[in-house]
Amino acid sequence: MDDLVTGKWLQAHLDEVQPLDASFFLPAHERDANAEFEAGHIPGALRLDIGSFADPDHPAPHMLPSPELGAQMLESIGLRRDKPIIVYDNSPLRTATRGWFIVRHYGAAEAAVLDGGFGKWTAEGRPVESGPARVRTGLWPVTAAQLEVVTKSDILAGTTPPVADARGPERFAGTTPEPRAGMAAGHIPGAKNLPYSKFYAEGGTLKSQDELRQVFVDAGMDPSAAFTASCGSGVTACSILFAAHLLGGREGKLYDGSWAEWGADPTTPKEQGS
């Protein structure tokens, strides 16, 4: 199975895989991902609520839970770790890549992203069903973390590779307010700006491999080299990691706390400007 699959491929293999809706929105979008799922989703899809899939004891949003709690949460929504998972979304944030990172981090045997998401699926006239997810008995044995995650302390200690920030250029430069209250403006010192939107063509499909590689080159990055992906809260940073993965890169790490943690801490160093 490829890491990026088409709607045609998924429709032909629906009985063999687990479609997983990982749509997520910010409050400014004024959309309800769970309600939209019930209104229409890929047949047999399960629902991963990225907003609630988080460490309940950490003040930053979307922090990955412990291996034990993460496995329990994935099992509770009906997922099996030993069956291929196809993650998709219907969000301008392209949040399927966060879902892909989550299931792989917790040990999924096989996981891929649906190119173009639910929007392309429906535009192609493919089948849709409504109602809540038909949750089956999940099976997700606990395993050690499979993908690397770095912490604020790691970055402060200088032990992490260079930071690539997936936020837009205005937020990166600190010329526009952060969407979350109480956040400072700017970016982690030394970070490069690599907006997640640059990896996608109009309509939400991933760009060609040559185009993806050029996005990294234009930002002064090598997708095969080690880097730390960051964003607002660890969600859109996963598009950088997924794009690098498609290009054969396996050295990317996620700063899960991202700016929601760094920008809220008055003691962390910050830079402004591009």
Protein backbone atom coordinates (compact mmCIF):
# COMPACT_ATOMS: atom_id res chain seq x y z
CA MET A 1 0.00 0.00 0.00
CA ASP A 2 1.31 3.44 -0.91
CA ASP A 3 1.59 6.19 1.71
CA LEU A 4 -0.75 8.35 -0.40
CA VAL A 5 -3.77 6.66 -1.99
CA THR A 6 -6.42 7.79 -4.46
CA GLY A 7 -10.17 7.67 -4.08
CA LYS A 8 -10.32 5.06 -6.83
CA TRP A 9 -7.93 2.81 -4.90
CA LEU A 10 -9.76 3.30 -1.61
CA GLN A 11 -13.19 2.55 -3.08
CA ALA A 12 -11.82 -0.70 -4.49
CA HIS A 13 -10.35 -1.71 -1.11
CA LEU A 14 -12.95 -0.43 1.37
CA ASP A 15 -13.54 -3.91 2.78
CA GLU A 16 -9.83 -4.39 3.47
CA VAL A 17 -8.95 -1.14 5.25
CA GLN A 18 -10.17 1.21 7.99
CA PRO A 19 -11.11 4.68 6.70
CA LEU A 20 -10.50 7.24 9.44
CA ASP A 21 -11.89 10.78 9.42
CA ALA A 22 -9.42 13.11 11.17
CA SER A 23 -11.06 16.43 10.30
CA PHE A 24 -10.35 19.26 12.72
CA PHE A 25 -11.17 22.97 12.71
CA LEU A 26 -10.15 26.05 14.65
CA PRO A 27 -12.91 28.10 16.34
CA ALA A 28 -12.59 30.76 13.62
CA HIS A 29 -13.77 28.23 11.04
CA GLU A 30 -17.14 28.00 12.83
CA ARG A 31 -17.52 24.37 11.75
CA ASP A 32 -18.25 21.24 13.76
CA ALA A 33 -16.16 18.29 12.57
CA ASN A 34 -18.20 15.70 14.47
CA ALA A 35 -21.50 17.03 13.12
CA GLU A 36 -20.11 17.10 9.59
CA PHE A 37 -18.99 13.49 9.98
CA GLU A 38 -22.51 12.42 10.93
CA ALA A 39 -23.91 14.35 7.97
CA GLY A 40 -21.71 12.43 5.57
CA HIS A 41 -18.57 10.30 5.55
CA ILE A 42 -16.82 7.54 3.62
CA PRO A 43 -18.67 4.23 4.17
CA GLY A 44 -17.38 2.38 7.20
CA ALA A 45 -15.26 5.30 8.39
CA LEU A 46 -14.35 5.74 12.02
CA ARG A 47 -13.89 9.14 13.63
CA LEU A 48 -10.71 10.47 15.27
CA ASP A 49 -11.41 13.71 17.13
CA ILE A 50 -8.01 15.41 17.12
CA GLY A 51 -9.27 18.06 19.52
CA SER A 52 -9.91 15.51 22.26
CA PHE A 53 -7.08 13.10 21.45
CA ALA A 54 -4.70 14.69 23.92
CA ASP A 55 -2.90 14.34 27.22
CA PRO A 56 -5.50 15.50 29.77
CA ASP A 57 -2.79 16.55 32.23
CA HIS A 58 -0.88 18.89 29.92
CA PRO A 59 -1.88 22.56 29.58
CA ALA A 60 -1.02 22.71 25.86
CA PRO A 61 -3.64 21.43 23.40
CA HIS A 62 -3.21 18.26 21.35
CA MET A 63 -0.23 16.91 23.31
CA LEU A 64 0.08 13.21 22.55
CA PRO A 65 -1.04 11.02 25.47
CA SER A 66 1.07 8.24 26.97
CA PRO A 67 1.44 4.99 25.00
CA GLU A 68 -1.06 3.33 27.34
CA LEU A 69 -3.70 6.06 27.11
CA GLY A 70 -3.15 6.58 23.39
CA ALA A 71 -3.68 2.88 22.69
CA GLN A 72 -6.79 2.88 24.85
CA MET A 73 -8.23 5.89 23.02
CA LEU A 74 -7.56 4.44 19.57
CA GLU A 75 -9.06 1.11 20.57
CA SER A 76 -12.14 2.87 21.97
CA ILE A 77 -13.02 4.38 18.59
CA GLY A 78 -12.93 0.93 17.00
CA LEU A 79 -9.49 0.87 15.38
CA ARG A 80 -7.37 -2.23 14.98
CA ARG A 81 -3.62 -1.74 14.96
CA ASP A 82 -3.08 -4.71 12.64
CA LYS A 83 -5.39 -3.56 9.82
CA PRO A 84 -4.44 -0.84 7.29
CA ILE A 85 -5.75 2.65 8.09
CA ILE A 86 -6.56 5.29 5.48
CA VAL A 87 -6.77 8.73 7.06
CA TYR A 88 -8.70 11.56 5.42
CA ASP A 89 -10.13 14.96 6.30
CA ASN A 90 -12.41 17.70 5.05
CA SER A 91 -10.51 20.60 6.58
CA PRO A 92 -8.54 23.52 5.12
CA LEU A 93 -5.91 22.64 7.73
CA ARG A 94 -5.25 19.30 5.94
CA THR A 95 -5.46 17.48 9.26
CA ALA A 96 -5.31 13.96 7.82
CA THR A 97 -1.55 14.18 8.23
CA ARG A 98 -1.98 14.67 11.98
CA GLY A 99 -4.16 11.56 12.06
CA TRP A 100 -1.52 9.72 10.04
CA PHE A 101 1.17 10.78 12.51
CA ILE A 102 -0.95 9.73 15.49
CA VAL A 103 -1.72 6.21 14.32
CA ARG A 104 1.85 5.62 13.16
CA HIS A 105 3.24 7.02 16.41
CA TYR A 106 1.19 4.45 18.32
CA GLY A 107 2.31 1.57 16.14
CA ALA A 108 -0.14 1.16 13.25
CA ALA A 109 1.05 -1.63 10.97
CA GLU A 110 0.09 0.32 7.84
CA ALA A 111 -1.27 3.85 7.44
CA ALA A 112 -1.83 6.11 4.45
CA VAL A 113 -3.48 9.43 3.59
CA LEU A 114 -6.32 9.80 1.09
CA ASP A 115 -5.18 12.33 -1.50
CA GLY A 116 -7.63 15.20 -1.73
CA GLY A 117 -9.61 14.04 1.27
CA PHE A 118 -13.38 13.94 1.54
CA GLY A 119 -13.80 16.90 -0.80
CA LYS A 120 -12.23 15.08 -3.73
CA TRP A 121 -14.00 11.85 -2.77
CA THR A 122 -17.42 13.51 -3.04
CA ALA A 123 -16.46 15.52 -6.13
CA GLU A 124 -15.72 12.22 -7.85
CA GLY A 125 -19.20 10.95 -6.98
CA ARG A 126 -18.02 8.21 -4.67
CA PRO A 127 -20.34 6.63 -2.05
CA VAL A 128 -21.15 8.43 1.19
CA GLU A 129 -23.05 7.32 4.27
CA SER A 130 -24.45 9.34 7.16
CA GLY A 131 -24.97 8.84 10.87
CA PRO A 132 -22.55 8.07 13.68
CA ALA A 133 -19.55 5.82 13.16
CA ARG A 134 -20.35 2.12 13.22
CA VAL A 135 -17.84 1.41 15.97
CA ARG A 136 -16.56 -2.13 15.99
CA THR A 137 -14.51 -3.87 18.65
CA GLY A 138 -11.10 -2.26 18.51
CA LEU A 139 -7.79 -3.97 19.14
CA TRP A 140 -4.81 -1.74 19.79
CA PRO A 141 -2.09 -3.35 21.93
CA VAL A 142 0.22 -0.91 23.70
CA THR A 143 3.58 -0.39 22.02
CA ALA A 144 6.46 2.01 22.49
CA ALA A 145 6.30 5.30 20.57
CA GLN A 146 7.29 4.76 16.94
CA LEU A 147 7.88 8.35 15.76
CA GLU A 148 10.07 10.90 17.48
CA VAL A 149 8.56 13.75 19.45
CA VAL A 150 10.66 16.50 21.01
CA THR A 151 9.86 18.72 23.97
CA LYS A 152 10.31 22.37 24.84
CA SER A 153 13.15 21.37 27.15
CA ASP A 154 14.88 19.54 24.28
CA ILE A 155 14.78 22.66 22.10
CA LEU A 156 15.95 24.93 24.91
CA ALA A 157 18.84 22.55 25.56
CA GLY A 158 19.90 22.75 21.91
CA THR A 159 19.67 18.99 21.39
CA THR A 160 17.16 19.05 18.53
CA PRO A 161 17.61 19.55 14.77
CA PRO A 162 16.59 22.86 13.13
CA VAL A 163 12.96 23.93 13.46
CA ALA A 164 10.60 24.18 10.46
CA ASP A 165 7.49 26.21 11.32
CA ALA A 166 4.33 25.33 9.37
CA ARG A 167 2.38 28.47 10.26
CA GLY A 168 1.71 31.16 7.69
CA PRO A 169 4.29 33.89 7.08
CA GLU A 170 2.38 36.57 9.01
CA ARG A 171 2.13 34.47 12.16
CA PHE A 172 5.73 33.36 11.77
CA ALA A 173 6.93 36.97 11.46
CA GLY A 174 4.72 38.09 14.34
CA THR A 175 2.88 40.69 12.29
CA THR A 176 -0.56 39.24 13.01
CA PRO A 177 -2.02 38.10 16.34
CA GLU A 178 -2.10 34.42 17.23
CA PRO A 179 -5.58 32.82 17.14
CA ARG A 180 -5.19 31.65 20.74
CA ALA A 181 -5.42 34.21 23.53
CA GLY A 182 -2.32 34.81 25.59
CA MET A 183 0.16 33.83 22.91
CA ALA A 184 3.20 35.95 22.17
CA ALA A 185 3.87 36.73 18.50
CA GLY A 186 6.82 35.48 16.48
CA HIS A 187 8.72 32.21 16.21
CA ILE A 188 11.37 30.03 17.80
CA PRO A 189 14.80 31.61 17.21
CA GLY A 190 16.52 30.17 14.16
CA ALA A 191 13.38 28.52 12.78
CA LYS A 192 12.65 28.43 9.07
CA ASN A 193 9.17 29.20 7.78
CA LEU A 194 7.64 26.34 5.78
CA PRO A 195 3.87 26.97 5.57
CA TYR A 196 1.94 23.72 5.31
CA SER A 197 -0.26 25.16 2.54
CA LYS A 198 2.70 25.16 0.14
CA PHE A 199 2.59 21.36 -0.05
CA TYR A 200 -0.94 21.28 -1.50
CA ALA A 201 -2.40 22.02 -4.90
CA GLU A 202 -5.73 23.75 -5.31
CA GLY A 203 -8.41 21.37 -4.08
CA GLY A 204 -6.26 19.84 -1.38
CA THR A 205 -4.29 17.19 -3.25
CA LEU A 206 -0.59 16.84 -2.51
CA LYS A 207 1.71 18.38 -5.07
CA SER A 208 4.00 16.19 -7.19
CA GLN A 209 7.19 14.87 -5.63
CA ASP A 210 9.29 17.31 -7.65
CA GLU A 211 7.13 20.18 -6.44
CA LEU A 212 7.26 18.97 -2.84
CA ARG A 213 11.04 18.76 -3.02
CA GLN A 214 11.20 22.30 -4.40
CA VAL A 215 9.14 23.58 -1.45
CA PHE A 216 11.82 22.28 0.88
CA VAL A 217 14.62 23.68 -1.29
CA ASP A 218 12.98 27.12 -1.40
CA ALA A 219 12.90 27.12 2.40
CA GLY A 220 16.57 26.15 2.58
CA MET A 221 15.83 22.65 3.81
CA ASP A 222 16.70 19.10 2.83
CA PRO A 223 13.74 16.73 3.38
CA SER A 224 16.10 13.82 3.96
CA ALA A 225 17.97 15.63 6.74
CA ALA A 226 16.90 15.80 10.37
CA PHE A 227 14.51 18.63 11.29
CA THR A 228 11.96 19.51 13.94
CA ALA A 229 8.45 20.32 12.70
CA SER A 230 6.44 22.90 14.62
CA CYS A 231 3.28 24.94 14.05
CA GLY A 232 0.51 26.38 16.23
CA SER A 233 -0.35 23.26 18.22
CA GLY A 234 1.28 20.25 16.57
CA VAL A 235 -1.36 19.68 13.87
CA THR A 236 -0.29 21.33 10.59
CA ALA A 237 3.37 20.55 11.37
CA CYS A 238 2.49 16.99 10.42
CA SER A 239 2.07 18.08 6.79
CA ILE A 240 5.80 18.88 6.74
CA LEU A 241 6.58 15.47 8.21
CA PHE A 242 4.30 13.69 5.73
CA ALA A 243 5.72 15.56 2.73
CA ALA A 244 9.25 14.65 3.81
CA HIS A 245 8.11 11.05 4.29
CA LEU A 246 6.78 10.92 0.71
CA LEU A 247 10.23 12.06 -0.44
CA GLY A 248 11.95 9.31 1.53
CA GLY A 249 12.83 11.43 4.55
CA ARG A 250 12.68 9.58 7.85
CA GLU A 251 14.56 12.03 10.12
CA GLY A 252 11.76 14.49 10.91
CA LYS A 253 10.65 14.98 14.50
CA LEU A 254 7.54 16.69 15.88
CA TYR A 255 7.55 19.44 18.48
CA ASP A 256 4.11 18.57 19.77
CA GLY A 257 3.73 21.59 22.04
CA SER A 258 4.56 23.94 19.17
CA TRP A 259 3.76 27.64 19.49
CA ALA A 260 0.80 27.00 21.80
CA GLU A 261 3.36 25.93 24.40
CA TRP A 262 6.37 28.02 23.39
CA GLY A 263 4.46 31.25 22.83
CA ALA A 264 2.57 30.93 26.12
CA ASP A 265 5.78 30.68 28.15
CA PRO A 266 7.16 34.14 28.98
CA THR A 267 10.60 32.66 29.65
CA THR A 268 11.22 31.17 26.18
CA PRO A 269 13.26 33.18 23.65
CA LYS A 270 11.33 34.49 20.66
CA GLU A 271 12.13 36.18 17.36
CA GLN A 272 10.05 38.31 15.04
CA GLY A 273 10.42 39.08 11.37
CA SER A 274 10.90 36.80 8.41
